[in-house]
Amino acid sequence: MFGGERYGKRNPSERESRVIELVARGLKNKEVADEIGTTEHVVKNYLRVIYDKLGLWNRVELALWYEARRYEQIARA
């Protein structure tokens, strides 16, 4: 973490956003893979990229990040 910032500034792609949504809903890697039509290995790679891109460490942080973004969108509406 640089400059006291917790989260990375890069935005996830559409596909990464779908993976984030499914993980935040509690799906396991295999279930995410089945849902998006790929393999569990590819999902693991997506998660590594997502964690790096957003400055996160694990699924729990990812789910919290996702819920915070959803709350912000609802609050703006």
N, C-alpha and C. Protein backbone atom coordinates (compact mmCIF):
# COMPACT_ATOMS: atom_id res chain seq x y z
N MET A 1 0.84 -1.17 0.00
CA MET A 1 0.00 0.00 0.00
C MET A 1 0.89 1.23 0.00
N PHE A 2 0.65 2.09 -0.93
CA PHE A 2 1.43 3.30 -1.04
C PHE A 2 0.55 4.50 -0.74
N GLY A 3 1.13 5.50 -0.08
CA GLY A 3 0.40 6.74 0.17
C GLY A 3 -0.83 6.57 1.04
N GLY A 4 -0.89 5.49 1.82
CA GLY A 4 -2.02 5.29 2.71
C GLY A 4 -3.29 4.82 2.03
N GLU A 5 -3.24 4.56 0.74
CA GLU A 5 -4.43 4.10 0.03
C GLU A 5 -4.56 2.59 0.18
N ARG A 6 -5.76 2.14 0.48
CA ARG A 6 -5.99 0.72 0.71
C ARG A 6 -6.27 -0.02 -0.58
N TYR A 7 -7.05 0.55 -1.46
CA TYR A 7 -7.49 -0.16 -2.65
C TYR A 7 -6.80 0.39 -3.89
N GLY A 8 -6.57 -0.51 -4.85
CA GLY A 8 -6.00 -0.08 -6.12
C GLY A 8 -6.99 0.80 -6.87
N LYS A 9 -6.51 1.50 -7.84
CA LYS A 9 -7.36 2.44 -8.57
C LYS A 9 -7.84 1.90 -9.91
N ARG A 10 -7.34 0.76 -10.33
CA ARG A 10 -7.74 0.22 -11.63
C ARG A 10 -9.11 -0.44 -11.53
N ASN A 11 -9.91 -0.26 -12.56
CA ASN A 11 -11.26 -0.83 -12.57
C ASN A 11 -11.25 -2.22 -13.18
N PRO A 12 -12.06 -3.12 -12.63
CA PRO A 12 -12.15 -4.46 -13.21
C PRO A 12 -12.86 -4.44 -14.56
N SER A 13 -12.49 -5.37 -15.43
CA SER A 13 -13.16 -5.52 -16.73
C SER A 13 -14.57 -6.07 -16.49
N GLU A 14 -15.37 -6.15 -17.55
CA GLU A 14 -16.73 -6.70 -17.43
C GLU A 14 -16.68 -8.14 -16.93
N ARG A 15 -15.78 -8.93 -17.49
CA ARG A 15 -15.67 -10.34 -17.10
C ARG A 15 -15.22 -10.46 -15.64
N GLU A 16 -14.23 -9.64 -15.26
CA GLU A 16 -13.78 -9.64 -13.88
C GLU A 16 -14.89 -9.21 -12.94
N SER A 17 -15.68 -8.24 -13.36
CA SER A 17 -16.81 -7.78 -12.55
C SER A 17 -17.81 -8.90 -12.32
N ARG A 18 -18.03 -9.73 -13.33
CA ARG A 18 -18.95 -10.87 -13.18
C ARG A 18 -18.38 -11.87 -12.17
N VAL A 19 -17.08 -12.14 -12.26
CA VAL A 19 -16.43 -13.04 -11.31
C VAL A 19 -16.57 -12.48 -9.89
N ILE A 20 -16.33 -11.18 -9.73
CA ILE A 20 -16.45 -10.54 -8.43
C ILE A 20 -17.87 -10.71 -7.87
N GLU A 21 -18.85 -10.46 -8.71
CA GLU A 21 -20.25 -10.58 -8.29
C GLU A 21 -20.55 -12.00 -7.80
N LEU A 22 -20.12 -12.99 -8.55
CA LEU A 22 -20.40 -14.38 -8.20
C LEU A 22 -19.67 -14.80 -6.92
N VAL A 23 -18.43 -14.36 -6.77
CA VAL A 23 -17.68 -14.66 -5.55
C VAL A 23 -18.35 -13.99 -4.35
N ALA A 24 -18.78 -12.75 -4.53
CA ALA A 24 -19.44 -12.02 -3.44
C ALA A 24 -20.75 -12.67 -3.04
N ARG A 25 -21.39 -13.38 -3.98
CA ARG A 25 -22.62 -14.11 -3.67
C ARG A 25 -22.32 -15.42 -2.93
N GLY A 26 -21.04 -15.76 -2.79
CA GLY A 26 -20.65 -16.93 -2.02
C GLY A 26 -20.36 -18.17 -2.85
N LEU A 27 -20.32 -18.04 -4.18
CA LEU A 27 -20.04 -19.20 -5.01
C LEU A 27 -18.57 -19.61 -4.88
N LYS A 28 -18.32 -20.90 -4.95
CA LYS A 28 -16.96 -21.44 -4.94
C LYS A 28 -16.38 -21.31 -6.35
N ASN A 29 -15.07 -21.46 -6.47
CA ASN A 29 -14.41 -21.29 -7.77
C ASN A 29 -15.02 -22.19 -8.84
N LYS A 30 -15.30 -23.43 -8.51
CA LYS A 30 -15.89 -24.37 -9.47
C LYS A 30 -17.27 -23.88 -9.92
N GLU A 31 -18.05 -23.37 -8.98
CA GLU A 31 -19.38 -22.86 -9.31
C GLU A 31 -19.30 -21.61 -10.18
N VAL A 32 -18.34 -20.74 -9.89
CA VAL A 32 -18.12 -19.56 -10.72
C VAL A 32 -17.73 -19.99 -12.13
N ALA A 33 -16.83 -20.96 -12.22
CA ALA A 33 -16.39 -21.47 -13.53
C ALA A 33 -17.57 -22.00 -14.32
N ASP A 34 -18.42 -22.79 -13.69
CA ASP A 34 -19.59 -23.33 -14.38
C ASP A 34 -20.52 -22.21 -14.85
N GLU A 35 -20.67 -21.20 -14.02
CA GLU A 35 -21.57 -20.08 -14.33
C GLU A 35 -21.10 -19.26 -15.53
N ILE A 36 -19.78 -19.05 -15.64
CA ILE A 36 -19.27 -18.21 -16.74
C ILE A 36 -18.72 -19.04 -17.90
N GLY A 37 -18.79 -20.36 -17.78
CA GLY A 37 -18.39 -21.21 -18.89
C GLY A 37 -16.90 -21.33 -19.09
N THR A 38 -16.17 -21.56 -18.00
CA THR A 38 -14.72 -21.71 -18.10
C THR A 38 -14.28 -22.76 -17.08
N THR A 39 -12.99 -22.81 -16.81
CA THR A 39 -12.47 -23.80 -15.86
C THR A 39 -12.16 -23.14 -14.52
N GLU A 40 -12.05 -23.97 -13.50
CA GLU A 40 -11.71 -23.48 -12.17
C GLU A 40 -10.33 -22.81 -12.18
N HIS A 41 -9.41 -23.35 -12.96
CA HIS A 41 -8.07 -22.77 -13.07
C HIS A 41 -8.14 -21.33 -13.59
N VAL A 42 -8.96 -21.10 -14.60
CA VAL A 42 -9.11 -19.75 -15.16
C VAL A 42 -9.70 -18.80 -14.11
N VAL A 43 -10.66 -19.29 -13.34
CA VAL A 43 -11.25 -18.46 -12.28
C VAL A 43 -10.18 -18.08 -11.25
N LYS A 44 -9.32 -19.02 -10.88
CA LYS A 44 -8.24 -18.72 -9.94
C LYS A 44 -7.33 -17.64 -10.50
N ASN A 45 -7.04 -17.72 -11.80
CA ASN A 45 -6.22 -16.68 -12.43
C ASN A 45 -6.93 -15.34 -12.42
N TYR A 46 -8.23 -15.34 -12.73
CA TYR A 46 -9.00 -14.09 -12.65
C TYR A 46 -8.89 -13.48 -11.25
N LEU A 47 -9.05 -14.32 -10.24
CA LEU A 47 -9.02 -13.81 -8.87
C LEU A 47 -7.65 -13.22 -8.52
N ARG A 48 -6.58 -13.85 -8.97
CA ARG A 48 -5.24 -13.28 -8.72
C ARG A 48 -5.12 -11.89 -9.34
N VAL A 49 -5.58 -11.75 -10.57
CA VAL A 49 -5.52 -10.46 -11.27
C VAL A 49 -6.41 -9.44 -10.55
N ILE A 50 -7.61 -9.86 -10.17
CA ILE A 50 -8.55 -8.96 -9.48
C ILE A 50 -7.96 -8.49 -8.16
N TYR A 51 -7.43 -9.41 -7.37
CA TYR A 51 -6.84 -9.03 -6.09
C TYR A 51 -5.72 -8.01 -6.29
N ASP A 52 -4.88 -8.26 -7.28
CA ASP A 52 -3.78 -7.34 -7.56
C ASP A 52 -4.30 -5.99 -8.03
N LYS A 53 -5.26 -6.03 -8.92
CA LYS A 53 -5.81 -4.81 -9.50
C LYS A 53 -6.48 -3.93 -8.44
N LEU A 54 -7.16 -4.56 -7.49
CA LEU A 54 -7.91 -3.81 -6.48
C LEU A 54 -7.15 -3.65 -5.16
N GLY A 55 -5.98 -4.27 -5.06
CA GLY A 55 -5.20 -4.16 -3.84
C GLY A 55 -5.80 -4.95 -2.69
N LEU A 56 -6.38 -6.10 -3.00
CA LEU A 56 -7.03 -6.95 -2.00
C LEU A 56 -6.22 -8.21 -1.77
N TRP A 57 -6.56 -8.94 -0.69
CA TRP A 57 -5.82 -10.14 -0.34
C TRP A 57 -6.61 -11.42 -0.47
N ASN A 58 -7.95 -11.36 -0.33
CA ASN A 58 -8.71 -12.60 -0.30
C ASN A 58 -10.18 -12.39 -0.66
N ARG A 59 -10.95 -13.48 -0.65
CA ARG A 59 -12.36 -13.47 -1.03
C ARG A 59 -13.21 -12.60 -0.10
N VAL A 60 -12.88 -12.62 1.18
CA VAL A 60 -13.65 -11.83 2.13
C VAL A 60 -13.50 -10.35 1.83
N GLU A 61 -12.27 -9.92 1.63
CA GLU A 61 -12.04 -8.51 1.26
C GLU A 61 -12.73 -8.18 -0.05
N LEU A 62 -12.70 -9.10 -0.99
CA LEU A 62 -13.34 -8.88 -2.28
C LEU A 62 -14.85 -8.71 -2.11
N ALA A 63 -15.46 -9.57 -1.30
CA ALA A 63 -16.90 -9.46 -1.07
C ALA A 63 -17.24 -8.15 -0.38
N LEU A 64 -16.43 -7.73 0.57
CA LEU A 64 -16.66 -6.45 1.24
C LEU A 64 -16.50 -5.29 0.28
N TRP A 65 -15.50 -5.35 -0.58
CA TRP A 65 -15.29 -4.32 -1.60
C TRP A 65 -16.51 -4.23 -2.51
N TYR A 66 -17.01 -5.38 -2.94
CA TYR A 66 -18.18 -5.44 -3.83
C TYR A 66 -19.41 -4.83 -3.15
N GLU A 67 -19.65 -5.21 -1.92
CA GLU A 67 -20.82 -4.68 -1.19
C GLU A 67 -20.70 -3.18 -0.98
N ALA A 68 -19.51 -2.69 -0.71
CA ALA A 68 -19.31 -1.24 -0.54
C ALA A 68 -19.63 -0.51 -1.84
N ARG A 69 -19.22 -1.06 -2.98
CA ARG A 69 -19.53 -0.43 -4.28
C ARG A 69 -21.03 -0.46 -4.55
N ARG A 70 -21.68 -1.57 -4.20
CA ARG A 70 -23.14 -1.66 -4.39
C ARG A 70 -23.85 -0.63 -3.53
N TYR A 71 -23.41 -0.47 -2.29
CA TYR A 71 -24.01 0.50 -1.38
C TYR A 71 -23.85 1.92 -1.92
N GLU A 72 -22.67 2.22 -2.45
CA GLU A 72 -22.42 3.55 -3.03
C GLU A 72 -23.35 3.81 -4.20
N GLN A 73 -23.55 2.81 -5.05
CA GLN A 73 -24.45 2.96 -6.20
C GLN A 73 -25.88 3.18 -5.76
N ILE A 74 -26.32 2.45 -4.74
CA ILE A 74 -27.69 2.61 -4.23
C ILE A 74 -27.85 4.00 -3.62
N ALA A 75 -26.85 4.45 -2.89
CA ALA A 75 -26.91 5.76 -2.22
C ALA A 75 -26.98 6.90 -3.24
N ARG A 76 -26.34 6.71 -4.39
CA ARG A 76 -26.36 7.74 -5.44
C ARG A 76 -27.68 7.79 -6.19
N ALA A 77 -28.41 6.68 -6.20
CA ALA A 77 -29.65 6.59 -6.98
C ALA A 77 -30.80 7.32 -6.32
